[in-house]
Protein backbone atom coordinates (compact mmCIF):
# COMPACT_ATOMS: atom_id res chain seq x y z
CA MET A 1 6.00 -5.04 -18.59
CA PHE A 2 7.10 -7.08 -15.57
CA LYS A 3 9.85 -8.74 -17.60
CA ASP A 4 11.09 -5.24 -18.56
CA LEU A 5 11.06 -4.17 -14.92
CA GLU A 6 12.86 -7.31 -13.86
CA GLY A 7 15.43 -6.64 -16.58
CA LEU A 8 16.13 -3.28 -14.94
CA GLY A 9 16.91 -5.11 -11.71
CA MET A 10 13.68 -4.44 -9.88
CA LYS A 11 12.58 -6.87 -7.18
CA LEU A 12 9.33 -7.43 -5.30
CA LEU A 13 9.27 -6.04 -1.78
CA HIS A 14 7.74 -7.94 1.11
CA ALA A 15 5.05 -5.93 2.87
CA PRO A 16 2.09 -6.89 5.02
CA LEU A 17 -1.18 -7.04 3.07
CA ILE A 18 0.45 -6.70 -0.35
CA GLY A 19 -0.05 -9.97 -2.19
CA GLY A 20 2.32 -9.60 -5.14
CA GLU A 21 3.21 -13.25 -4.82
CA THR A 22 -0.29 -14.17 -5.90
CA PHE A 23 0.04 -12.73 -9.39
CA ILE A 24 3.76 -12.46 -10.18
CA GLU A 25 5.08 -15.85 -9.13
CA TRP A 26 8.38 -15.75 -11.06
CA PHE A 27 9.47 -12.21 -10.09
CA ASP A 28 12.49 -12.19 -7.75
CA TRP A 29 12.05 -11.01 -4.17
CA ALA A 30 14.25 -8.28 -2.71
CA GLN A 31 16.70 -9.58 -0.14
CA ASP A 32 17.09 -8.18 3.35
CA ASP A 33 20.60 -6.89 2.65
CA ARG A 34 20.36 -3.55 4.51
CA PHE A 35 18.23 -4.61 7.45
CA SER A 36 17.25 -7.93 9.00
CA SER A 37 13.69 -9.04 8.29
CA GLU A 38 12.78 -8.14 11.89
CA ASP A 39 14.26 -4.63 11.53
CA ARG A 40 12.59 -4.25 8.13
CA LEU A 41 9.19 -5.03 9.65
CA ALA A 42 9.86 -2.64 12.55
CA ARG A 43 10.78 0.10 10.05
CA PHE A 44 7.65 -0.64 8.03
CA PHE A 45 5.34 -0.36 11.03
CA SER A 46 7.09 2.76 12.36
CA PHE A 47 6.50 4.41 8.97
CA ILE A 48 2.83 3.52 8.57
CA LYS A 49 1.68 3.76 12.20
CA PRO A 50 1.18 7.57 12.16
CA LEU A 51 -0.70 7.42 8.83
CA PRO A 52 -4.50 7.03 8.59
CA ARG A 53 -4.10 3.64 6.81
CA HIS A 54 -7.45 1.81 7.05
CA LYS A 55 -9.04 4.13 9.63
CA PRO A 56 -11.19 6.05 7.08
CA LEU A 57 -12.49 2.71 5.76
CA GLU A 58 -13.14 1.52 9.30
CA THR A 59 -15.14 4.68 10.05
CA TYR A 60 -17.09 4.28 6.81
CA GLY A 61 -17.77 0.58 7.40
CA ASN A 62 -18.85 1.17 11.00
CA GLY A 63 -21.45 3.61 9.67
CA LEU A 64 -23.03 0.89 7.54
CA VAL A 65 -25.23 -2.02 8.50
CA PRO A 66 -23.59 -3.79 11.45
CA ALA A 67 -21.77 -7.01 10.67
CA PRO A 68 -20.64 -9.73 13.09
CA ARG A 69 -17.83 -8.50 15.37
CA SER A 70 -15.50 -11.47 14.99
CA HIS A 71 -11.97 -11.60 13.63
CA ARG A 72 -10.72 -13.56 10.66
CA VAL A 73 -7.24 -14.07 9.22
CA VAL A 74 -6.35 -13.33 5.61
CA ASN A 75 -3.32 -13.48 3.29
CA VAL A 76 -1.71 -16.73 4.36
CA THR A 77 1.08 -17.43 1.85
CA LYS A 78 4.58 -18.86 1.74
CA THR A 79 6.08 -15.37 1.46
CA GLY A 80 3.68 -13.28 3.55
CA PHE A 81 2.07 -13.39 6.92
CA SER A 82 -1.49 -13.12 8.07
CA VAL A 83 -3.07 -9.98 9.41
CA PRO A 84 -6.25 -10.05 11.48
CA ILE A 85 -8.95 -7.91 9.88
CA PRO A 86 -11.95 -6.99 12.00
CA ALA A 87 -14.96 -8.51 10.30
CA GLY A 88 -17.15 -5.70 11.65
CA TRP A 89 -16.25 -2.76 9.44
CA ALA A 90 -14.74 -4.82 6.62
CA GLY A 91 -17.70 -7.20 6.70
CA ALA A 92 -20.13 -4.27 6.62
CA ILE A 93 -18.46 -2.86 3.49
CA LYS A 94 -18.51 -6.28 1.83
CA GLN A 95 -22.13 -6.80 2.85
CA GLU A 96 -23.04 -3.40 1.37
CA TRP A 97 -21.31 -4.38 -1.89
CA ASP A 98 -22.96 -7.81 -2.02
CA ASN A 99 -26.47 -6.74 -1.02
CA ASN A 100 -26.84 -3.35 -2.67
CA VAL A 101 -26.11 -3.83 -6.37
CA ALA A 102 -27.77 -0.51 -7.24
CA GLY A 103 -25.53 1.30 -4.75
CA ARG A 104 -22.21 -0.20 -5.83
CA LYS A 105 -21.19 2.81 -7.91
CA LYS A 106 -21.68 5.13 -4.94
CA LEU A 107 -19.92 2.73 -2.59
CA GLU A 108 -16.96 2.48 -4.95
CA LYS A 109 -16.82 6.27 -5.28
CA ASP A 110 -16.93 6.63 -1.49
CA ILE A 111 -14.21 4.11 -0.63
CA ARG A 112 -11.89 4.06 -3.65
CA PRO A 113 -9.80 7.07 -2.54
CA ASP A 114 -9.35 5.62 0.95
CA ILE A 115 -8.31 2.23 -0.43
CA GLY A 116 -5.85 4.01 -2.74
CA GLU A 117 -4.34 5.95 0.15
CA TRP A 118 -4.04 2.81 2.26
CA CYS A 119 -2.27 1.05 -0.61
CA ASP A 120 0.03 4.05 -1.11
CA ALA A 121 0.96 3.90 2.58
CA LEU A 122 1.71 0.18 2.33
CA ILE A 123 3.89 0.44 -0.76
CA VAL A 124 5.79 3.57 0.31
CA GLY A 125 6.18 1.98 3.76
CA SER A 126 7.71 -1.11 2.18
CA HIS A 127 10.22 1.08 0.30
CA TYR A 128 11.11 2.85 3.54
CA ALA A 129 11.39 -0.49 5.34
CA TYR A 130 13.95 -1.77 2.84
CA GLY A 131 15.91 1.50 2.96
CA ASN A 132 15.13 2.39 -0.66
CA GLU A 133 15.80 6.05 -1.33
CA VAL A 134 13.54 6.35 -4.39
CA PHE A 135 9.86 5.63 -4.86
CA CYS A 136 9.00 5.72 -8.56
CA THR A 137 5.44 6.67 -9.49
CA THR A 138 3.36 8.91 -11.69
CA ASP A 139 0.85 9.33 -8.84
CA ARG A 140 0.88 12.95 -7.70
CA GLY A 141 -1.87 12.56 -5.14
CA VAL A 142 -4.14 15.04 -6.91
CA ASN A 143 -7.41 13.12 -6.46
CA ALA A 144 -7.10 12.95 -2.69
CA GLY A 145 -5.49 16.38 -2.48
CA SER A 146 -3.24 17.43 0.38
CA ARG A 147 -4.36 14.48 2.53
CA SER A 148 -2.62 12.18 0.03
CA LEU A 149 0.72 10.77 1.10
CA LEU A 150 2.00 11.41 -2.44
CA HIS A 151 0.72 15.00 -2.76
CA LYS A 152 3.42 17.59 -3.44
CA SER A 153 2.77 19.22 -0.06
CA ASN A 154 3.73 15.96 1.71
CA ARG A 155 6.86 15.18 -0.29
CA PRO A 156 9.23 17.22 1.91
CA ALA A 157 8.21 15.05 4.89
CA LEU A 158 8.91 11.91 2.83
CA GLU A 159 12.30 13.33 1.77
CA ALA A 160 13.09 14.02 5.45
CA GLN A 161 12.55 10.29 6.01
CA GLY A 162 14.91 9.48 3.15
CA ILE A 163 12.35 8.80 0.41
CA LYS A 164 12.56 10.75 -2.85
CA ILE A 165 9.52 10.52 -5.14
CA MET A 166 10.44 10.35 -8.84
CA THR A 167 8.50 9.83 -12.03
CA PRO A 168 9.79 7.10 -14.37
CA ALA A 169 11.35 9.82 -16.59
CA GLU A 170 13.10 11.39 -13.59
CA LEU A 171 14.34 7.99 -12.47
CA VAL A 172 15.77 7.21 -15.91
CA GLN A 173 17.48 10.59 -16.04
CA HIS A 174 18.74 10.45 -12.43
CA TYR A 175 20.35 7.03 -12.85
CA GLY A 176 21.35 7.50 -16.51
CA LEU A 177 19.40 4.46 -17.65
CA LEU A 178 19.17 5.49 -21.31
């Protein structure tokens, strides 16, 4: 599939916390041809800052067994940069996963939607940061409902920011790729 996508001219986008370089080593990276890397990062953070991002996970984790309140750095790569993650809430979620095998299904059910929304914010934010006008997905945000960034009720706000959501079929038709 990735070879097919690359054949269509798709490139990986740099974005904090998204580690595409760890599993798609040969895929070309998008160049900063519309904005400098500094402006791209500023655009990224201006897009995601008003969104909930990890806050629902932080609230959930803080409600669990307390974990040490130190900071640690993750995601050190040649193509990415590190982001401090508070060990408190993140550590509490990991501790709950590690120490409560019987409760893993419930934990996953509780946090999966919030992780999905955080990831949606990161990937749509990276598209915005690069100045891409189209975000191609089949995700309609139905599981999270109207709080989902990709829900139909939130798409006009994305379009106002210059981001049009399209399904793969709409993308093919729009750009005449067949």
